[in-house]
Amino acid sequence: MQIQFCLDWLKAGVPGRRAFKMPAAFSLFEEYRKRISAFAPCEISAGAAVRRSGEAGIKIWVCDRGQNSREVSSEALAALLEKTRDAGAQQLRILIDGPDGISKDRLTALKADLVWSFGPMTLPHELAAVVACEQIYRACTILRRTPYHLGH
């Protein structure tokens, strides 16, 4: 299963590094993205292309702290990732909204398979992307039973 981080504030055709104003944030995001690539193909793309078009094999997770979002532990996220993979998903698109959030209309239209919250805190969108990427990496290590999760 391919994992695609879709950054809503990134314009189509612009390199992923340009989405991050802080080079250190991109560096950390890229570190975890590369680590994920040891488990599954992983890329970064513009979020505007994410639409629910009925494509078979594509699952959409949205990172949003809105009313209908769900807080999940690292272990629960790993279980959801495993379930998604085992259900035959070919691609998991993880949408990180931009500084203005995601509109209710767009969220409804996406019919996301998971609306995932990091809790009630407000995080800058670049930091939210880093947290999402790290948590997906952590979920991969939990599923493979590597020491990363328990070693922290």
N, C-alpha and C. Protein backbone atom coordinates (compact mmCIF):
# COMPACT_ATOMS: atom_id res chain seq x y z
N MET A 1 0.84 -1.18 0.00
CA MET A 1 0.00 0.00 0.00
C MET A 1 0.89 1.24 0.00
N GLN A 2 0.60 2.15 -0.88
CA GLN A 2 1.33 3.41 -0.96
C GLN A 2 0.71 4.41 0.03
N ILE A 3 1.56 5.19 0.69
CA ILE A 3 1.10 6.24 1.60
C ILE A 3 1.46 7.58 0.99
N GLN A 4 0.47 8.46 0.94
CA GLN A 4 0.67 9.77 0.33
C GLN A 4 0.24 10.84 1.32
N PHE A 5 1.18 11.70 1.72
CA PHE A 5 0.85 12.84 2.57
C PHE A 5 0.47 13.99 1.66
N CYS A 6 -0.77 14.44 1.77
CA CYS A 6 -1.31 15.49 0.92
C CYS A 6 -1.42 16.77 1.75
N LEU A 7 -0.57 17.73 1.44
CA LEU A 7 -0.52 18.97 2.19
C LEU A 7 -1.43 19.99 1.52
N ASP A 8 -2.47 20.40 2.22
CA ASP A 8 -3.49 21.25 1.63
C ASP A 8 -2.98 22.62 1.22
N TRP A 9 -1.93 23.09 1.82
CA TRP A 9 -1.41 24.42 1.51
C TRP A 9 -0.35 24.39 0.41
N LEU A 10 0.02 23.21 -0.04
CA LEU A 10 1.02 23.07 -1.10
C LEU A 10 0.35 23.19 -2.46
N LYS A 11 0.88 24.02 -3.32
CA LYS A 11 0.34 24.19 -4.66
C LYS A 11 0.83 23.04 -5.55
N ALA A 12 -0.01 22.62 -6.47
CA ALA A 12 0.34 21.54 -7.39
C ALA A 12 1.59 21.92 -8.18
N GLY A 13 2.48 20.96 -8.35
CA GLY A 13 3.69 21.17 -9.12
C GLY A 13 4.84 21.80 -8.35
N VAL A 14 4.58 22.22 -7.11
CA VAL A 14 5.63 22.83 -6.28
C VAL A 14 6.30 21.74 -5.46
N PRO A 15 7.63 21.75 -5.38
CA PRO A 15 8.31 20.72 -4.57
C PRO A 15 7.86 20.76 -3.11
N GLY A 16 7.78 19.59 -2.49
CA GLY A 16 7.30 19.47 -1.11
C GLY A 16 8.06 20.32 -0.12
N ARG A 17 9.34 20.47 -0.33
CA ARG A 17 10.14 21.26 0.62
C ARG A 17 9.68 22.71 0.67
N ARG A 18 9.07 23.19 -0.41
CA ARG A 18 8.61 24.58 -0.47
C ARG A 18 7.34 24.79 0.36
N ALA A 19 6.71 23.71 0.81
CA ALA A 19 5.51 23.81 1.64
C ALA A 19 5.86 24.21 3.06
N PHE A 20 7.10 24.06 3.43
CA PHE A 20 7.53 24.32 4.81
C PHE A 20 8.35 25.60 4.87
N LYS A 21 7.89 26.55 5.67
CA LYS A 21 8.63 27.81 5.84
C LYS A 21 9.86 27.60 6.70
N MET A 22 9.78 26.64 7.60
CA MET A 22 10.90 26.34 8.49
C MET A 22 11.65 25.12 7.96
N PRO A 23 12.90 25.31 7.52
CA PRO A 23 13.66 24.17 7.00
C PRO A 23 13.76 23.01 7.99
N ALA A 24 13.84 23.31 9.27
CA ALA A 24 13.94 22.23 10.27
C ALA A 24 12.68 21.37 10.29
N ALA A 25 11.51 21.99 10.09
CA ALA A 25 10.26 21.23 10.06
C ALA A 25 10.24 20.30 8.85
N PHE A 26 10.66 20.81 7.70
CA PHE A 26 10.71 19.95 6.51
C PHE A 26 11.71 18.83 6.69
N SER A 27 12.84 19.14 7.27
CA SER A 27 13.88 18.14 7.50
C SER A 27 13.34 16.99 8.37
N LEU A 28 12.63 17.33 9.41
CA LEU A 28 12.06 16.30 10.30
C LEU A 28 10.96 15.52 9.58
N PHE A 29 10.08 16.23 8.86
CA PHE A 29 9.04 15.56 8.09
C PHE A 29 9.68 14.58 7.10
N GLU A 30 10.68 15.04 6.39
CA GLU A 30 11.34 14.22 5.37
C GLU A 30 12.04 13.02 6.00
N GLU A 31 12.60 13.19 7.18
CA GLU A 31 13.24 12.06 7.88
C GLU A 31 12.23 10.94 8.14
N TYR A 32 11.05 11.32 8.66
CA TYR A 32 10.04 10.30 8.93
C TYR A 32 9.45 9.74 7.64
N ARG A 33 9.29 10.56 6.62
CA ARG A 33 8.78 10.07 5.33
C ARG A 33 9.73 9.01 4.76
N LYS A 34 11.02 9.28 4.83
CA LYS A 34 12.01 8.30 4.35
C LYS A 34 11.96 7.02 5.18
N ARG A 35 11.78 7.17 6.49
CA ARG A 35 11.67 5.98 7.34
C ARG A 35 10.45 5.14 6.98
N ILE A 36 9.34 5.81 6.70
CA ILE A 36 8.12 5.10 6.30
C ILE A 36 8.39 4.32 5.01
N SER A 37 9.19 4.91 4.13
CA SER A 37 9.48 4.27 2.83
C SER A 37 10.16 2.92 2.97
N ALA A 38 10.73 2.63 4.13
CA ALA A 38 11.30 1.30 4.37
C ALA A 38 10.19 0.26 4.53
N PHE A 39 8.98 0.73 4.85
CA PHE A 39 7.83 -0.17 5.06
C PHE A 39 6.88 -0.16 3.87
N ALA A 40 6.74 1.01 3.23
CA ALA A 40 5.79 1.17 2.12
C ALA A 40 6.20 2.39 1.31
N PRO A 41 5.90 2.41 0.02
CA PRO A 41 6.18 3.62 -0.75
C PRO A 41 5.47 4.82 -0.12
N CYS A 42 6.17 5.94 -0.02
CA CYS A 42 5.61 7.10 0.66
C CYS A 42 6.02 8.37 -0.07
N GLU A 43 5.07 9.23 -0.34
CA GLU A 43 5.37 10.48 -1.04
C GLU A 43 4.58 11.64 -0.46
N ILE A 44 4.91 12.82 -0.93
CA ILE A 44 4.26 14.06 -0.53
C ILE A 44 3.64 14.68 -1.77
N SER A 45 2.45 15.27 -1.62
CA SER A 45 1.79 15.89 -2.77
C SER A 45 0.92 17.05 -2.29
N ALA A 46 0.39 17.77 -3.25
CA ALA A 46 -0.53 18.87 -2.96
C ALA A 46 -1.87 18.29 -2.53
N GLY A 47 -2.49 18.91 -1.55
CA GLY A 47 -3.76 18.42 -1.03
C GLY A 47 -4.95 18.72 -1.91
N ALA A 48 -4.83 19.71 -2.78
CA ALA A 48 -5.97 20.11 -3.62
C ALA A 48 -6.46 18.98 -4.52
N ALA A 49 -5.58 18.05 -4.83
CA ALA A 49 -5.94 16.94 -5.71
C ALA A 49 -6.76 15.86 -5.01
N VAL A 50 -6.86 15.93 -3.69
CA VAL A 50 -7.57 14.89 -2.94
C VAL A 50 -9.07 15.12 -3.08
N ARG A 51 -9.70 14.16 -3.72
CA ARG A 51 -11.15 14.19 -3.90
C ARG A 51 -11.67 12.77 -3.76
N ARG A 52 -12.89 12.64 -3.33
CA ARG A 52 -13.51 11.31 -3.25
C ARG A 52 -14.20 11.09 -4.58
N SER A 53 -13.59 10.28 -5.41
CA SER A 53 -14.14 10.07 -6.75
C SER A 53 -14.61 8.64 -6.96
N GLY A 54 -14.66 7.88 -5.89
CA GLY A 54 -15.10 6.50 -6.02
C GLY A 54 -14.02 5.56 -6.52
N GLU A 55 -12.78 6.05 -6.54
CA GLU A 55 -11.68 5.20 -6.98
C GLU A 55 -11.52 4.02 -6.02
N ALA A 56 -11.53 2.85 -6.57
CA ALA A 56 -11.37 1.66 -5.74
C ALA A 56 -9.96 1.60 -5.20
N GLY A 57 -9.83 1.13 -3.99
CA GLY A 57 -8.52 0.92 -3.41
C GLY A 57 -7.89 2.15 -2.79
N ILE A 58 -8.59 3.28 -2.77
CA ILE A 58 -8.04 4.50 -2.18
C ILE A 58 -8.80 4.84 -0.91
N LYS A 59 -8.06 5.03 0.17
CA LYS A 59 -8.63 5.44 1.45
C LYS A 59 -8.12 6.84 1.77
N ILE A 60 -8.96 7.62 2.42
CA ILE A 60 -8.61 8.99 2.78
C ILE A 60 -8.73 9.18 4.27
N TRP A 61 -7.64 9.64 4.87
CA TRP A 61 -7.64 10.05 6.27
C TRP A 61 -7.38 11.54 6.29
N VAL A 62 -8.13 12.26 7.10
CA VAL A 62 -7.98 13.71 7.22
C VAL A 62 -7.55 14.04 8.64
N CYS A 63 -6.50 14.85 8.75
CA CYS A 63 -6.07 15.34 10.06
C CYS A 63 -6.79 16.66 10.30
N ASP A 64 -7.67 16.67 11.28
CA ASP A 64 -8.49 17.85 11.57
C ASP A 64 -8.95 17.74 13.02
N ARG A 65 -9.04 18.86 13.70
CA ARG A 65 -9.46 18.80 15.09
C ARG A 65 -10.92 19.25 15.28
N GLY A 66 -11.70 19.14 14.23
CA GLY A 66 -13.10 19.54 14.26
C GLY A 66 -13.96 18.62 15.12
N GLN A 67 -15.24 18.96 15.18
CA GLN A 67 -16.19 18.25 16.04
C GLN A 67 -16.28 16.76 15.76
N ASN A 68 -16.19 16.38 14.51
CA ASN A 68 -16.38 14.97 14.15
C ASN A 68 -15.07 14.20 14.07
N SER A 69 -14.01 14.80 14.57
CA SER A 69 -12.71 14.11 14.52
C SER A 69 -12.60 13.12 15.66
N ARG A 70 -11.65 12.25 15.51
CA ARG A 70 -11.47 11.15 16.46
C ARG A 70 -10.03 11.15 16.96
N GLU A 71 -9.84 11.20 18.26
CA GLU A 71 -8.51 11.05 18.84
C GLU A 71 -8.21 9.56 18.91
N VAL A 72 -7.01 9.19 18.48
CA VAL A 72 -6.62 7.78 18.53
C VAL A 72 -5.22 7.66 19.13
N SER A 73 -5.02 6.62 19.86
CA SER A 73 -3.69 6.34 20.41
C SER A 73 -2.80 5.82 19.29
N SER A 74 -1.51 5.77 19.54
CA SER A 74 -0.58 5.23 18.55
C SER A 74 -0.91 3.77 18.22
N GLU A 75 -1.27 3.01 19.25
CA GLU A 75 -1.61 1.60 19.03
C GLU A 75 -2.88 1.47 18.20
N ALA A 76 -3.87 2.31 18.48
CA ALA A 76 -5.12 2.27 17.72
C ALA A 76 -4.88 2.69 16.27
N LEU A 77 -4.00 3.67 16.07
CA LEU A 77 -3.67 4.10 14.72
C LEU A 77 -3.00 2.95 13.96
N ALA A 78 -2.12 2.24 14.63
CA ALA A 78 -1.47 1.08 14.00
C ALA A 78 -2.52 0.04 13.59
N ALA A 79 -3.48 -0.19 14.46
CA ALA A 79 -4.55 -1.16 14.14
C ALA A 79 -5.37 -0.69 12.94
N LEU A 80 -5.66 0.61 12.87
CA LEU A 80 -6.40 1.15 11.73
C LEU A 80 -5.59 1.06 10.44
N LEU A 81 -4.29 1.29 10.54
CA LEU A 81 -3.41 1.18 9.37
C LEU A 81 -3.38 -0.27 8.88
N GLU A 82 -3.28 -1.20 9.81
CA GLU A 82 -3.26 -2.62 9.46
C GLU A 82 -4.59 -3.04 8.81
N LYS A 83 -5.69 -2.58 9.38
CA LYS A 83 -7.01 -2.89 8.84
C LYS A 83 -7.16 -2.33 7.42
N THR A 84 -6.68 -1.11 7.22
CA THR A 84 -6.75 -0.48 5.90
C THR A 84 -5.93 -1.27 4.89
N ARG A 85 -4.73 -1.63 5.28
CA ARG A 85 -3.84 -2.41 4.40
C ARG A 85 -4.45 -3.78 4.09
N ASP A 86 -4.94 -4.46 5.14
CA ASP A 86 -5.48 -5.80 4.97
C ASP A 86 -6.79 -5.83 4.19
N ALA A 87 -7.48 -4.68 4.14
CA ALA A 87 -8.72 -4.59 3.37
C ALA A 87 -8.43 -4.42 1.88
N GLY A 88 -7.16 -4.34 1.53
CA GLY A 88 -6.78 -4.26 0.13
C GLY A 88 -6.59 -2.86 -0.42
N ALA A 89 -6.49 -1.88 0.46
CA ALA A 89 -6.27 -0.51 -0.02
C ALA A 89 -4.93 -0.45 -0.75
N GLN A 90 -4.95 0.18 -1.91
CA GLN A 90 -3.73 0.34 -2.68
C GLN A 90 -3.03 1.65 -2.32
N GLN A 91 -3.81 2.61 -1.86
CA GLN A 91 -3.24 3.90 -1.52
C GLN A 91 -3.98 4.50 -0.32
N LEU A 92 -3.20 5.05 0.60
CA LEU A 92 -3.74 5.78 1.73
C LEU A 92 -3.31 7.23 1.57
N ARG A 93 -4.28 8.11 1.39
CA ARG A 93 -4.02 9.54 1.28
C ARG A 93 -4.32 10.20 2.61
N ILE A 94 -3.31 10.85 3.18
CA ILE A 94 -3.46 11.52 4.46
C ILE A 94 -3.44 13.01 4.19
N LEU A 95 -4.58 13.65 4.38
CA LEU A 95 -4.71 15.08 4.10
C LEU A 95 -4.46 15.89 5.36
N ILE A 96 -3.49 16.79 5.28
CA ILE A 96 -3.20 17.72 6.37
C ILE A 96 -3.73 19.07 5.92
N ASP A 97 -4.68 19.62 6.67
CA ASP A 97 -5.25 20.89 6.24
C ASP A 97 -4.27 22.04 6.47
N GLY A 98 -4.55 23.14 5.83
CA GLY A 98 -3.67 24.31 5.91
C GLY A 98 -4.00 25.21 7.08
N PRO A 99 -3.47 26.42 7.07
CA PRO A 99 -3.64 27.34 8.19
C PRO A 99 -5.09 27.76 8.43
N ASP A 100 -5.93 27.65 7.41
CA ASP A 100 -7.34 28.04 7.55
C ASP A 100 -8.25 26.87 7.88
N GLY A 101 -7.68 25.70 8.05
CA GLY A 101 -8.49 24.51 8.35
C GLY A 101 -9.15 23.99 7.09
N ILE A 102 -10.05 23.04 7.28
CA ILE A 102 -10.77 22.44 6.15
C ILE A 102 -12.24 22.80 6.30
N SER A 103 -12.86 23.17 5.22
CA SER A 103 -14.27 23.58 5.29
C SER A 103 -15.16 22.35 5.54
N LYS A 104 -16.30 22.60 6.16
CA LYS A 104 -17.25 21.50 6.41
C LYS A 104 -17.71 20.88 5.10
N ASP A 105 -17.92 21.73 4.09
CA ASP A 105 -18.38 21.21 2.79
C ASP A 105 -17.36 20.27 2.17
N ARG A 106 -16.09 20.67 2.22
CA ARG A 106 -15.05 19.81 1.64
C ARG A 106 -14.91 18.52 2.44
N LEU A 107 -14.96 18.64 3.76
CA LEU A 107 -14.85 17.45 4.60
C LEU A 107 -16.00 16.48 4.31
N THR A 108 -17.20 17.02 4.14
CA THR A 108 -18.35 16.19 3.81
C THR A 108 -18.17 15.53 2.44
N ALA A 109 -17.70 16.31 1.47
CA ALA A 109 -17.51 15.78 0.11
C ALA A 109 -16.44 14.69 0.06
N LEU A 110 -15.43 14.80 0.90
CA LEU A 110 -14.36 13.81 0.90
C LEU A 110 -14.81 12.45 1.40
N LYS A 111 -15.81 12.44 2.29
CA LYS A 111 -16.27 11.18 2.89
C LYS A 111 -15.07 10.40 3.41
N ALA A 112 -14.28 11.08 4.23
CA ALA A 112 -13.04 10.49 4.74
C ALA A 112 -13.31 9.20 5.50
N ASP A 113 -12.40 8.27 5.36
CA ASP A 113 -12.48 7.01 6.08
C ASP A 113 -12.11 7.19 7.55
N LEU A 114 -11.33 8.25 7.83
CA LEU A 114 -10.96 8.60 9.19
C LEU A 114 -10.73 10.10 9.26
N VAL A 115 -11.34 10.75 10.23
CA VAL A 115 -11.03 12.16 10.54
C VAL A 115 -10.33 12.09 11.88
N TRP A 116 -9.05 12.38 11.84
CA TRP A 116 -8.12 12.08 12.91
C TRP A 116 -7.65 13.36 13.57
N SER A 117 -7.73 13.39 14.90
CA SER A 117 -7.33 14.57 15.67
C SER A 117 -6.15 14.23 16.57
N PHE A 118 -5.27 15.22 16.75
CA PHE A 118 -4.17 15.06 17.69
C PHE A 118 -4.56 15.57 19.07
N GLY A 119 -5.83 15.87 19.26
CA GLY A 119 -6.31 16.38 20.54
C GLY A 119 -6.82 17.80 20.39
N PRO A 120 -7.18 18.42 21.49
CA PRO A 120 -7.79 19.74 21.43
C PRO A 120 -6.81 20.89 21.16
N MET A 121 -5.52 20.61 21.17
CA MET A 121 -4.54 21.68 20.93
C MET A 121 -4.58 22.14 19.48
N THR A 122 -4.28 23.41 19.27
CA THR A 122 -4.10 23.93 17.93
C THR A 122 -2.62 23.85 17.60
N LEU A 123 -2.30 23.20 16.48
CA LEU A 123 -0.92 23.07 16.04
C LEU A 123 -0.74 23.82 14.72
N PRO A 124 0.41 24.43 14.50
CA PRO A 124 0.68 24.98 13.17
C PRO A 124 0.62 23.85 12.16
N HIS A 125 0.13 24.14 10.96
CA HIS A 125 -0.06 23.08 9.96
C HIS A 125 1.23 22.34 9.62
N GLU A 126 2.36 23.04 9.63
CA GLU A 126 3.63 22.36 9.35
C GLU A 126 3.96 21.36 10.46
N LEU A 127 3.72 21.73 11.69
CA LEU A 127 3.98 20.82 12.81
C LEU A 127 3.00 19.66 12.78
N ALA A 128 1.75 19.92 12.41
CA ALA A 128 0.77 18.85 12.29
C ALA A 128 1.23 17.82 11.24
N ALA A 129 1.82 18.29 10.16
CA ALA A 129 2.33 17.37 9.13
C ALA A 129 3.45 16.50 9.70
N VAL A 130 4.33 17.10 10.49
CA VAL A 130 5.42 16.34 11.11
C VAL A 130 4.85 15.30 12.07
N VAL A 131 3.89 15.71 12.90
CA VAL A 131 3.28 14.78 13.87
C VAL A 131 2.58 13.63 13.14
N ALA A 132 1.83 13.94 12.09
CA ALA A 132 1.14 12.89 11.34
C ALA A 132 2.14 11.91 10.74
N CYS A 133 3.21 12.44 10.17
CA CYS A 133 4.22 11.58 9.55
C CYS A 133 4.90 10.70 10.60
N GLU A 134 5.24 11.28 11.74
CA GLU A 134 5.87 10.50 12.80
C GLU A 134 4.93 9.41 13.30
N GLN A 135 3.66 9.73 13.45
CA GLN A 135 2.70 8.74 13.95
C GLN A 135 2.47 7.60 12.97
N ILE A 136 2.51 7.90 11.67
CA ILE A 136 2.40 6.82 10.69
C ILE A 136 3.65 5.94 10.75
N TYR A 137 4.80 6.57 10.88
CA TYR A 137 6.03 5.78 11.04
C TYR A 137 5.94 4.92 12.30
N ARG A 138 5.49 5.51 13.40
CA ARG A 138 5.35 4.76 14.65
C ARG A 138 4.39 3.60 14.45
N ALA A 139 3.28 3.83 13.76
CA ALA A 139 2.32 2.75 13.50
C ALA A 139 2.98 1.61 12.72
N CYS A 140 3.79 1.97 11.73
CA CYS A 140 4.51 0.94 10.96
C CYS A 140 5.44 0.13 11.86
N THR A 141 6.12 0.80 12.78
CA THR A 141 7.04 0.07 13.66
C THR A 141 6.29 -0.79 14.67
N ILE A 142 5.12 -0.34 15.09
CA ILE A 142 4.29 -1.16 15.99
C ILE A 142 3.88 -2.44 15.27
N LEU A 143 3.45 -2.30 14.02
CA LEU A 143 3.01 -3.47 13.26
C LEU A 143 4.14 -4.44 12.98
N ARG A 144 5.34 -3.92 12.81
CA ARG A 144 6.51 -4.78 12.56
C ARG A 144 7.19 -5.21 13.86
N ARG A 145 6.70 -4.70 14.96
CA ARG A 145 7.25 -5.02 16.29
C ARG A 145 8.73 -4.66 16.41
N THR A 146 9.08 -3.49 15.89
CA THR A 146 10.45 -3.01 16.05
C THR A 146 10.51 -2.19 17.34
N PRO A 147 11.68 -1.96 17.88
CA PRO A 147 11.80 -1.32 19.20
C PRO A 147 11.49 0.18 19.24
N TYR A 148 11.28 0.84 18.13
CA TYR A 148 11.07 2.30 18.13
C TYR A 148 9.98 2.73 19.10
N HIS A 149 8.82 2.10 19.03
CA HIS A 149 7.67 2.52 19.85
C HIS A 149 7.94 2.35 21.34
N LEU A 150 8.45 1.23 21.71
CA LEU A 150 8.67 0.96 23.13
C LEU A 150 9.93 1.63 23.67
N GLY A 151 10.81 2.04 22.77
CA GLY A 151 12.05 2.66 23.20
C GLY A 151 11.93 4.14 23.50
N HIS A 152 10.75 4.71 23.38
CA HIS A 152 10.56 6.15 23.62
C HIS A 152 9.74 6.40 24.86
